[in-house]
PDB file of N, CA and C in Angstrom:
ATOM      1  N   MET A   1      50.643   9.026 -65.288  1.00  0.00           N
ATOM      2  CA  MET A   1      49.043   8.540 -65.335  1.00  0.00           C
ATOM      3  C   MET A   1      48.387   9.351 -64.436  1.00  0.00           C
ATOM      4  N   LYS A   2      47.403  10.070 -64.892  1.00  0.00           N
ATOM      5  CA  LYS A   2      46.493  10.695 -64.134  1.00  0.00           C
ATOM      6  C   LYS A   2      45.289   9.855 -63.453  1.00  0.00           C
ATOM      7  N   ILE A   3      45.193  10.111 -62.173  1.00  0.00           N
ATOM      8  CA  ILE A   3      44.330   9.266 -61.359  1.00  0.00           C
ATOM      9  C   ILE A   3      43.013  10.127 -61.173  1.00  0.00           C
ATOM     10  N   PRO A   4      42.031   9.548 -61.397  1.00  0.00           N
ATOM     11  CA  PRO A   4      40.733  10.457 -61.315  1.00  0.00           C
ATOM     12  C   PRO A   4      40.421  10.941 -59.905  1.00  0.00           C
ATOM     13  N   PRO A   5      40.025  12.002 -59.627  1.00  0.00           N
ATOM     14  CA  PRO A   5      39.850  12.563 -58.402  1.00  0.00           C
ATOM     15  C   PRO A   5      39.415  11.713 -57.200  1.00  0.00           C
ATOM     16  N   ASP A   6      38.272  11.035 -57.566  1.00  0.00           N
ATOM     17  CA  ASP A   6      37.495  10.243 -56.704  1.00  0.00           C
ATOM     18  C   ASP A   6      38.362   9.281 -56.316  1.00  0.00           C
ATOM     19  N   VAL A   7      39.219   8.348 -57.222  1.00  0.00           N
ATOM     20  CA  VAL A   7      40.084   7.308 -56.869  1.00  0.00           C
ATOM     21  C   VAL A   7      41.014   7.623 -56.104  1.00  0.00           C
ATOM     22  N   ASP A   8      41.816   9.010 -56.448  1.00  0.00           N
ATOM     23  CA  ASP A   8      42.703   9.440 -55.466  1.00  0.00           C
ATOM     24  C   ASP A   8      42.374   9.593 -54.074  1.00  0.00           C
ATOM     25  N   ARG A   9      41.249  10.274 -53.951  1.00  0.00           N
ATOM     26  CA  ARG A   9      40.627  10.490 -52.594  1.00  0.00           C
ATOM     27  C   ARG A   9      40.537   9.249 -51.835  1.00  0.00           C
ATOM     28  N   THR A  10      40.083   8.210 -52.554  1.00  0.00           N
ATOM     29  CA  THR A  10      39.811   6.863 -52.002  1.00  0.00           C
ATOM     30  C   THR A  10      41.288   6.157 -51.413  1.00  0.00           C
ATOM     31  N   LEU A  11      42.100   6.275 -52.434  1.00  0.00           N
ATOM     32  CA  LEU A  11      43.391   5.716 -52.305  1.00  0.00           C
ATOM     33  C   LEU A  11      44.159   6.558 -51.077  1.00  0.00           C
ATOM     34  N   LYS A  12      43.949   7.777 -51.093  1.00  0.00           N
ATOM     35  CA  LYS A  12      44.471   8.485 -49.895  1.00  0.00           C
ATOM     36  C   LYS A  12      43.944   8.218 -48.536  1.00  0.00           C
ATOM     37  N   ASP A  13      42.621   7.987 -48.558  1.00  0.00           N
ATOM     38  CA  ASP A  13      41.898   7.562 -47.291  1.00  0.00           C
ATOM     39  C   ASP A  13      42.380   6.185 -46.831  1.00  0.00           C
ATOM     40  N   HIS A  14      42.611   5.496 -47.652  1.00  0.00           N
ATOM     41  CA  HIS A  14      43.002   4.053 -47.368  1.00  0.00           C
ATOM     42  C   HIS A  14      44.427   4.040 -46.961  1.00  0.00           C
ATOM     43  N   ARG A  15      45.201   4.791 -47.518  1.00  0.00           N
ATOM     44  CA  ARG A  15      46.559   4.870 -47.134  1.00  0.00           C
ATOM     45  C   ARG A  15      46.881   5.747 -45.710  1.00  0.00           C
ATOM     46  N   ASP A  16      45.903   6.758 -45.464  1.00  0.00           N
ATOM     47  CA  ASP A  16      45.916   7.304 -44.193  1.00  0.00           C
ATOM     48  C   ASP A  16      45.567   6.290 -43.014  1.00  0.00           C
ATOM     49  N   SER A  17      44.464   5.364 -43.332  1.00  0.00           N
ATOM     50  CA  SER A  17      44.254   4.365 -42.364  1.00  0.00           C
ATOM     51  C   SER A  17      45.390   3.261 -42.091  1.00  0.00           C
ATOM     52  N   ILE A  18      46.140   2.957 -43.269  1.00  0.00           N
ATOM     53  CA  ILE A  18      47.189   1.923 -43.185  1.00  0.00           C
ATOM     54  C   ILE A  18      48.306   2.650 -42.488  1.00  0.00           C
ATOM     55  N   ASP A  19      48.539   3.924 -42.549  1.00  0.00           N
ATOM     56  CA  ASP A  19      49.539   4.733 -41.781  1.00  0.00           C
ATOM     57  C   ASP A  19      49.240   4.702 -40.294  1.00  0.00           C
ATOM     58  N   ARG A  20      47.948   5.008 -40.055  1.00  0.00           N
ATOM     59  CA  ARG A  20      47.547   4.927 -38.482  1.00  0.00           C
ATOM     60  C   ARG A  20      47.681   3.617 -37.843  1.00  0.00           C
ATOM     61  N   LEU A  21      47.335   2.458 -38.667  1.00  0.00           N
ATOM     62  CA  LEU A  21      47.229   1.009 -38.006  1.00  0.00           C
ATOM     63  C   LEU A  21      48.626   0.687 -37.963  1.00  0.00           C
ATOM     64  N   ASP A  22      49.452   1.264 -38.841  1.00  0.00           N
ATOM     65  CA  ASP A  22      51.047   1.049 -38.699  1.00  0.00           C
ATOM     66  C   ASP A  22      51.609   1.471 -37.363  1.00  0.00           C
ATOM     67  N   ALA A  23      51.132   2.728 -36.995  1.00  0.00           N
ATOM     68  CA  ALA A  23      51.585   3.222 -35.824  1.00  0.00           C
ATOM     69  C   ALA A  23      51.101   2.428 -34.746  1.00  0.00           C
ATOM     70  N   ILE A  24      49.834   2.132 -34.905  1.00  0.00           N
ATOM     71  CA  ILE A  24      49.338   1.191 -33.707  1.00  0.00           C
ATOM     72  C   ILE A  24      50.016  -0.082 -33.479  1.00  0.00           C
ATOM     73  N   LEU A  25      50.376  -0.747 -34.551  1.00  0.00           N
ATOM     74  CA  LEU A  25      51.143  -1.885 -34.338  1.00  0.00           C
ATOM     75  C   LEU A  25      52.369  -1.812 -33.900  1.00  0.00           C
ATOM     76  N   VAL A  26      53.058  -0.540 -34.112  1.00  0.00           N
ATOM     77  CA  VAL A  26      54.479  -0.407 -33.570  1.00  0.00           C
ATOM     78  C   VAL A  26      54.353   0.002 -31.980  1.00  0.00           C
ATOM     79  N   TYR A  27      53.278   0.689 -31.584  1.00  0.00           N
ATOM     80  CA  TYR A  27      53.156   1.026 -30.364  1.00  0.00           C
ATOM     81  C   TYR A  27      52.618   0.044 -29.355  1.00  0.00           C
ATOM     82  N   THR A  28      51.785  -1.113 -30.008  1.00  0.00           N
ATOM     83  CA  THR A  28      51.260  -2.271 -29.495  1.00  0.00           C
ATOM     84  C   THR A  28      52.576  -3.181 -29.296  1.00  0.00           C
ATOM     85  N   LEU A  29      53.180  -3.356 -30.264  1.00  0.00           N
ATOM     86  CA  LEU A  29      54.550  -4.289 -30.156  1.00  0.00           C
ATOM     87  C   LEU A  29      55.393  -3.750 -29.096  1.00  0.00           C
ATOM     88  N   SER A  30      55.448  -2.364 -28.931  1.00  0.00           N
ATOM     89  CA  SER A  30      56.521  -1.873 -28.017  1.00  0.00           C
ATOM     90  C   SER A  30      55.888  -2.111 -26.581  1.00  0.00           C
ATOM     91  N   GLU A  31      54.500  -2.034 -26.427  1.00  0.00           N
ATOM     92  CA  GLU A  31      53.863  -2.305 -25.108  1.00  0.00           C
ATOM     93  C   GLU A  31      54.158  -3.910 -24.777  1.00  0.00           C
ATOM     94  N   ARG A  32      53.977  -4.615 -25.948  1.00  0.00           N
ATOM     95  CA  ARG A  32      54.131  -6.168 -25.622  1.00  0.00           C
ATOM     96  C   ARG A  32      55.481  -6.523 -25.177  1.00  0.00           C
ATOM     97  N   PHE A  33      56.638  -5.714 -25.627  1.00  0.00           N
ATOM     98  CA  PHE A  33      57.783  -6.138 -25.543  1.00  0.00           C
ATOM     99  C   PHE A  33      58.282  -5.571 -23.900  1.00  0.00           C
ATOM    100  N   ARG A  34      57.583  -4.498 -23.655  1.00  0.00           N
ATOM    101  CA  ARG A  34      57.782  -4.206 -22.162  1.00  0.00           C
ATOM    102  C   ARG A  34      57.370  -5.216 -21.332  1.00  0.00           C
ATOM    103  N   HIS A  35      56.272  -5.714 -21.404  1.00  0.00           N
ATOM    104  CA  HIS A  35      55.786  -6.948 -20.629  1.00  0.00           C
ATOM    105  C   HIS A  35      56.721  -8.291 -20.757  1.00  0.00           C
ATOM    106  N   THR A  36      57.115  -8.378 -21.930  1.00  0.00           N
ATOM    107  CA  THR A  36      57.844  -9.589 -22.118  1.00  0.00           C
ATOM    108  C   THR A  36      59.214  -9.691 -21.406  1.00  0.00           C
ATOM    109  N   LYS A  37      59.788  -8.231 -21.340  1.00  0.00           N
ATOM    110  CA  LYS A  37      60.950  -8.056 -20.767  1.00  0.00           C
ATOM    111  C   LYS A  37      60.998  -8.306 -19.428  1.00  0.00           C
ATOM    112  N   ALA A  38      59.722  -7.835 -18.689  1.00  0.00           N
ATOM    113  CA  ALA A  38      59.518  -8.165 -17.230  1.00  0.00           C
ATOM    114  C   ALA A  38      59.588  -9.575 -17.008  1.00  0.00           C
ATOM    115  N   VAL A  39      58.975 -10.249 -17.636  1.00  0.00           N
ATOM    116  CA  VAL A  39      58.711 -11.698 -17.714  1.00  0.00           C
ATOM    117  C   VAL A  39      60.252 -12.217 -17.722  1.00  0.00           C
ATOM    118  N   GLY A  40      60.846 -11.855 -18.781  1.00  0.00           N
ATOM    119  CA  GLY A  40      62.309 -12.403 -19.077  1.00  0.00           C
ATOM    120  C   GLY A  40      63.127 -12.074 -17.586  1.00  0.00           C
ATOM    121  N   GLU A  41      62.895 -10.878 -16.980  1.00  0.00           N
ATOM    122  CA  GLU A  41      63.559 -10.557 -15.942  1.00  0.00           C
ATOM    123  C   GLU A  41      63.387 -11.218 -14.635  1.00  0.00           C
ATOM    124  N   LEU A  42      61.750 -11.583 -14.593  1.00  0.00           N
ATOM    125  CA  LEU A  42      61.355 -12.632 -13.705  1.00  0.00           C
ATOM    126  C   LEU A  42      62.161 -13.935 -13.747  1.00  0.00           C
ATOM    127  N   LYS A  43      62.210 -14.491 -15.004  1.00  0.00           N
ATOM    128  CA  LYS A  43      62.623 -15.785 -15.279  1.00  0.00           C
ATOM    129  C   LYS A  43      64.004 -15.886 -15.018  1.00  0.00           C
ATOM    130  N   ALA A  44      64.847 -14.756 -15.086  1.00  0.00           N
ATOM    131  CA  ALA A  44      66.266 -14.792 -15.117  1.00  0.00           C
ATOM    132  C   ALA A  44      66.412 -14.728 -13.483  1.00  0.00           C
ATOM    133  N   THR A  45      65.529 -13.683 -12.683  1.00  0.00           N
ATOM    134  CA  THR A  45      65.877 -13.764 -11.237  1.00  0.00           C
ATOM    135  C   THR A  45      65.698 -15.300 -10.693  1.00  0.00           C
ATOM    136  N   HIS A  46      64.625 -15.907 -11.170  1.00  0.00           N
ATOM    137  CA  HIS A  46      64.312 -17.058 -10.686  1.00  0.00           C
ATOM    138  C   HIS A  46      64.708 -18.431 -11.306  1.00  0.00           C
ATOM    139  N   LYS A  47      65.757 -18.194 -12.101  1.00  0.00           N
ATOM    140  CA  LYS A  47      66.529 -19.179 -12.904  1.00  0.00           C
ATOM    141  C   LYS A  47      65.338 -20.015 -13.562  1.00  0.00           C
ATOM    142  N   LEU A  48      64.475 -19.482 -14.215  1.00  0.00           N
ATOM    143  CA  LEU A  48      63.579 -20.280 -14.895  1.00  0.00           C
ATOM    144  C   LEU A  48      64.001 -20.221 -16.451  1.00  0.00           C
ATOM    145  N   PRO A  49      63.834 -21.380 -17.316  1.00  0.00           N
ATOM    146  CA  PRO A  49      64.138 -21.449 -18.744  1.00  0.00           C
ATOM    147  C   PRO A  49      63.443 -20.268 -19.472  1.00  0.00           C
ATOM    148  N   PRO A  50      64.212 -19.681 -20.601  1.00  0.00           N
ATOM    149  CA  PRO A  50      63.783 -18.515 -21.247  1.00  0.00           C
ATOM    150  C   PRO A  50      62.549 -19.018 -22.127  1.00  0.00           C
ATOM    151  N   ALA A  51      62.309 -20.093 -22.508  1.00  0.00           N
ATOM    152  CA  ALA A  51      61.448 -20.789 -23.307  1.00  0.00           C
ATOM    153  C   ALA A  51      60.389 -21.308 -22.445  1.00  0.00           C
ATOM    154  N   ASP A  52      59.074 -21.270 -22.957  1.00  0.00           N
ATOM    155  CA  ASP A  52      57.913 -22.199 -22.393  1.00  0.00           C
ATOM    156  C   ASP A  52      57.210 -22.722 -23.509  1.00  0.00           C
ATOM    157  N   PRO A  53      57.783 -23.835 -24.252  1.00  0.00           N
ATOM    158  CA  PRO A  53      57.011 -24.346 -25.347  1.00  0.00           C
ATOM    159  C   PRO A  53      55.437 -24.872 -25.178  1.00  0.00           C
ATOM    160  N   GLU A  54      55.116 -25.013 -24.029  1.00  0.00           N
ATOM    161  CA  GLU A  54      53.566 -25.384 -23.748  1.00  0.00           C
ATOM    162  C   GLU A  54      52.670 -23.972 -23.768  1.00  0.00           C
ATOM    163  N   ARG A  55      53.395 -23.054 -23.084  1.00  0.00           N
ATOM    164  CA  ARG A  55      52.666 -21.770 -23.413  1.00  0.00           C
ATOM    165  C   ARG A  55      52.577 -21.093 -24.889  1.00  0.00           C
ATOM    166  N   GLU A  56      53.855 -21.493 -25.568  1.00  0.00           N
ATOM    167  CA  GLU A  56      53.889 -20.879 -26.882  1.00  0.00           C
ATOM    168  C   GLU A  56      53.104 -21.606 -27.704  1.00  0.00           C
ATOM    169  N   ALA A  57      52.691 -22.988 -27.604  1.00  0.00           N
ATOM    170  CA  ALA A  57      52.016 -23.673 -28.278  1.00  0.00           C
ATOM    171  C   ALA A  57      50.254 -23.191 -28.069  1.00  0.00           C
ATOM    172  N   ARG A  58      50.020 -22.784 -26.807  1.00  0.00           N
ATOM    173  CA  ARG A  58      48.623 -22.237 -26.606  1.00  0.00           C
ATOM    174  C   ARG A  58      48.427 -21.040 -27.275  1.00  0.00           C
ATOM    175  N   GLN A  59      49.483 -20.089 -27.034  1.00  0.00           N
ATOM    176  CA  GLN A  59      49.391 -18.894 -27.810  1.00  0.00           C
ATOM    177  C   GLN A  59      49.256 -18.972 -29.190  1.00  0.00           C
ATOM    178  N   ILE A  60      50.125 -19.891 -29.650  1.00  0.00           N
ATOM    179  CA  ILE A  60      49.914 -20.034 -31.122  1.00  0.00           C
ATOM    180  C   ILE A  60      48.434 -20.395 -31.747  1.00  0.00           C
ATOM    181  N   SER A  61      47.825 -21.648 -30.849  1.00  0.00           N
ATOM    182  CA  SER A  61      46.685 -21.980 -31.122  1.00  0.00           C
ATOM    183  C   SER A  61      45.575 -21.063 -31.156  1.00  0.00           C
ATOM    184  N   ARG A  62      45.653 -19.978 -29.988  1.00  0.00           N
ATOM    185  CA  ARG A  62      44.830 -19.081 -29.561  1.00  0.00           C
ATOM    186  C   ARG A  62      44.846 -17.876 -30.457  1.00  0.00           C
ATOM    187  N   LEU A  63      46.115 -17.619 -30.973  1.00  0.00           N
ATOM    188  CA  LEU A  63      46.156 -16.736 -32.047  1.00  0.00           C
ATOM    189  C   LEU A  63      45.557 -17.076 -33.450  1.00  0.00           C
ATOM    190  N   GLN A  64      45.767 -18.234 -33.750  1.00  0.00           N
ATOM    191  CA  GLN A  64      45.243 -18.832 -35.066  1.00  0.00           C
ATOM    192  C   GLN A  64      43.739 -18.805 -35.032  1.00  0.00           C
ATOM    193  N   LYS A  65      43.078 -19.012 -33.899  1.00  0.00           N
ATOM    194  CA  LYS A  65      41.540 -18.767 -33.700  1.00  0.00           C
ATOM    195  C   LYS A  65      41.264 -17.495 -34.069  1.00  0.00           C
ATOM    196  N   LEU A  66      41.933 -16.713 -33.199  1.00  0.00           N
ATOM    197  CA  LEU A  66      41.702 -15.006 -33.492  1.00  0.00           C
ATOM    198  C   LEU A  66      41.720 -14.740 -34.976  1.00  0.00           C
ATOM    199  N   ALA A  67      42.813 -15.215 -35.467  1.00  0.00           N
ATOM    200  CA  ALA A  67      43.000 -14.924 -36.829  1.00  0.00           C
ATOM    201  C   ALA A  67      41.628 -15.339 -37.776  1.00  0.00           C
ATOM    202  N   ARG A  68      41.479 -16.459 -37.472  1.00  0.00           N
ATOM    203  CA  ARG A  68      40.232 -17.138 -38.219  1.00  0.00           C
ATOM    204  C   ARG A  68      38.979 -16.099 -37.925  1.00  0.00           C
ATOM    205  N   ASP A  69      38.786 -16.019 -36.750  1.00  0.00           N
ATOM    206  CA  ASP A  69      37.552 -15.299 -36.519  1.00  0.00           C
ATOM    207  C   ASP A  69      37.706 -13.707 -37.113  1.00  0.00           C
ATOM    208  N   ALA A  70      38.819 -13.260 -37.194  1.00  0.00           N
ATOM    209  CA  ALA A  70      39.160 -11.902 -37.780  1.00  0.00           C
ATOM    210  C   ALA A  70      39.235 -11.934 -39.489  1.00  0.00           C
ATOM    211  N   GLY A  71      38.868 -13.168 -39.807  1.00  0.00           N
ATOM    212  CA  GLY A  71      39.177 -13.063 -41.420  1.00  0.00           C
ATOM    213  C   GLY A  71      40.712 -13.123 -41.766  1.00  0.00           C
ATOM    214  N   LEU A  72      41.609 -13.426 -40.966  1.00  0.00           N
ATOM    215  CA  LEU A  72      43.033 -13.278 -41.350  1.00  0.00           C
ATOM    216  C   LEU A  72      43.613 -14.655 -41.465  1.00  0.00           C
ATOM    217  N   ASP A  73      44.326 -14.960 -42.242  1.00  0.00           N
ATOM    218  CA  ASP A  73      45.020 -16.242 -42.751  1.00  0.00           C
ATOM    219  C   ASP A  73      45.643 -16.749 -41.159  1.00  0.00           C
ATOM    220  N   PRO A  74      45.157 -17.874 -40.692  1.00  0.00           N
ATOM    221  CA  PRO A  74      45.792 -18.114 -39.435  1.00  0.00           C
ATOM    222  C   PRO A  74      47.232 -18.710 -39.511  1.00  0.00           C
ATOM    223  N   GLU A  75      47.624 -19.119 -40.855  1.00  0.00           N
ATOM    224  CA  GLU A  75      49.171 -19.564 -40.977  1.00  0.00           C
ATOM    225  C   GLU A  75      49.811 -18.286 -40.858  1.00  0.00           C
ATOM    226  N   PHE A  76      49.620 -17.194 -41.433  1.00  0.00           N
ATOM    227  CA  PHE A  76      50.242 -15.916 -41.319  1.00  0.00           C
ATOM    228  C   PHE A  76      50.308 -15.525 -39.844  1.00  0.00           C
ATOM    229  N   ALA A  77      49.415 -15.679 -39.004  1.00  0.00           N
ATOM    230  CA  ALA A  77      49.191 -15.419 -37.530  1.00  0.00           C
ATOM    231  C   ALA A  77      50.320 -16.386 -36.774  1.00  0.00           C
ATOM    232  N   LYS A  78      50.306 -17.548 -37.395  1.00  0.00           N
ATOM    233  CA  LYS A  78      51.431 -18.388 -36.557  1.00  0.00           C
ATOM    234  C   LYS A  78      52.727 -17.859 -37.136  1.00  0.00           C
ATOM    235  N   LYS A  79      53.055 -17.603 -38.217  1.00  0.00           N
ATOM    236  CA  LYS A  79      54.252 -17.045 -38.561  1.00  0.00           C
ATOM    237  C   LYS A  79      54.807 -15.791 -38.040  1.00  0.00           C
ATOM    238  N   PHE A  80      53.928 -14.991 -37.836  1.00  0.00           N
ATOM    239  CA  PHE A  80      54.089 -13.621 -37.019  1.00  0.00           C
ATOM    240  C   PHE A  80      54.211 -13.843 -35.569  1.00  0.00           C
ATOM    241  N   LEU A  81      53.479 -14.630 -34.975  1.00  0.00           N
ATOM    242  CA  LEU A  81      53.743 -15.001 -33.460  1.00  0.00           C
ATOM    243  C   LEU A  81      55.079 -15.581 -33.239  1.00  0.00           C
ATOM    244  N   ASN A  82      55.512 -16.755 -34.277  1.00  0.00           N
ATOM    245  CA  ASN A  82      56.732 -17.263 -34.019  1.00  0.00           C
ATOM    246  C   ASN A  82      57.727 -16.567 -34.090  1.00  0.00           C
ATOM    247  N   PHE A  83      57.658 -15.304 -35.029  1.00  0.00           N
ATOM    248  CA  PHE A  83      58.843 -14.502 -35.385  1.00  0.00           C
ATOM    249  C   PHE A  83      58.925 -13.528 -33.939  1.00  0.00           C
ATOM    250  N   ILE A  84      57.887 -13.224 -33.434  1.00  0.00           N
ATOM    251  CA  ILE A  84      57.678 -12.540 -32.116  1.00  0.00           C
ATOM    252  C   ILE A  84      58.463 -13.398 -30.923  1.00  0.00           C
ATOM    253  N   ILE A  85      57.973 -14.678 -30.774  1.00  0.00           N
ATOM    254  CA  ILE A  85      58.423 -15.413 -29.648  1.00  0.00           C
ATOM    255  C   ILE A  85      59.741 -15.863 -29.901  1.00  0.00           C
ATOM    256  N   LYS A  86      60.450 -15.906 -31.141  1.00  0.00           N
ATOM    257  CA  LYS A  86      61.708 -16.124 -31.306  1.00  0.00           C
ATOM    258  C   LYS A  86      62.741 -14.960 -30.736  1.00  0.00           C
ATOM    259  N   GLU A  87      62.136 -13.731 -31.035  1.00  0.00           N
ATOM    260  CA  GLU A  87      62.721 -12.511 -30.627  1.00  0.00           C
ATOM    261  C   GLU A  87      62.783 -12.446 -29.025  1.00  0.00           C
ATOM    262  N   VAL A  88      61.433 -12.791 -28.332  1.00  0.00           N
ATOM    263  CA  VAL A  88      61.376 -12.752 -27.100  1.00  0.00           C
ATOM    264  C   VAL A  88      62.339 -13.615 -26.396  1.00  0.00           C
ATOM    265  N   ILE A  89      62.531 -14.953 -26.852  1.00  0.00           N
ATOM    266  CA  ILE A  89      63.409 -15.948 -26.296  1.00  0.00           C
ATOM    267  C   ILE A  89      64.816 -15.330 -26.322  1.00  0.00           C
ATOM    268  N   GLN A  90      65.215 -14.655 -27.297  1.00  0.00           N
ATOM    269  CA  GLN A  90      66.497 -14.000 -27.422  1.00  0.00           C
ATOM    270  C   GLN A  90      66.903 -13.081 -26.257  1.00  0.00           C
ATOM    271  N   HIS A  91      65.723 -12.286 -26.139  1.00  0.00           N
ATOM    272  CA  HIS A  91      65.901 -11.061 -25.030  1.00  0.00           C
ATOM    273  C   HIS A  91      65.823 -11.985 -23.747  1.00  0.00           C
ATOM    274  N   HIS A  92      65.172 -13.029 -23.502  1.00  0.00           N
ATOM    275  CA  HIS A  92      65.196 -13.647 -22.115  1.00  0.00           C
ATOM    276  C   HIS A  92      66.652 -14.438 -21.829  1.00  0.00           C
ATOM    277  N   LYS A  93      67.093 -14.871 -22.920  1.00  0.00           N
ATOM    278  CA  LYS A  93      68.429 -15.543 -22.949  1.00  0.00           C
ATOM    279  C   LYS A  93      69.517 -14.461 -22.558  1.00  0.00           C
ATOM    280  N   HIS A  94      69.444 -13.380 -23.212  1.00  0.00           N
ATOM    281  CA  HIS A  94      70.458 -12.258 -22.922  1.00  0.00           C
ATOM    282  C   HIS A  94      70.208 -11.682 -21.403  1.00  0.00           C
ATOM    283  N   LEU A  95      68.897 -11.583 -21.130  1.00  0.00           N
ATOM    284  CA  LEU A  95      68.850 -11.307 -19.584  1.00  0.00           C
ATOM    285  C   LEU A  95      69.291 -12.327 -18.755  1.00  0.00           C
ATOM    286  N   ALA A  96      68.986 -13.612 -18.967  1.00  0.00           N
ATOM    287  CA  ALA A  96      69.626 -14.710 -18.322  1.00  0.00           C
ATOM    288  C   ALA A  96      71.088 -14.704 -17.887  1.00  0.00           C
ATOM    289  N   LYS A  97      71.816 -13.987 -18.736  1.00  0.00           N
ATOM    290  CA  LYS A  97      73.183 -14.125 -18.635  1.00  0.00           C
ATOM    291  C   LYS A  97      73.989 -13.155 -17.672  1.00  0.00           C
TER     292      LYS A  97
END
């Protein structure tokens, strides 16, 4: 199927933006995990539990509000953060060993 040139250009522009945003997400997650690793090391050193349910609940609530403000589905934000939290807790458990 032949795509009209103007549609093709618009499609390419959107895809270029998506690619840049994907890179930003990856580097942002990397930075976040550097900090959570430092937190995990502190917790392990001071024999603190790997999970902090009260903080996690506050973070989920905060992210859901940010999502609503940004026009993003708050349930998606909650699922996304829960996925990250689960991974962080696994890292913290590993560091505690």
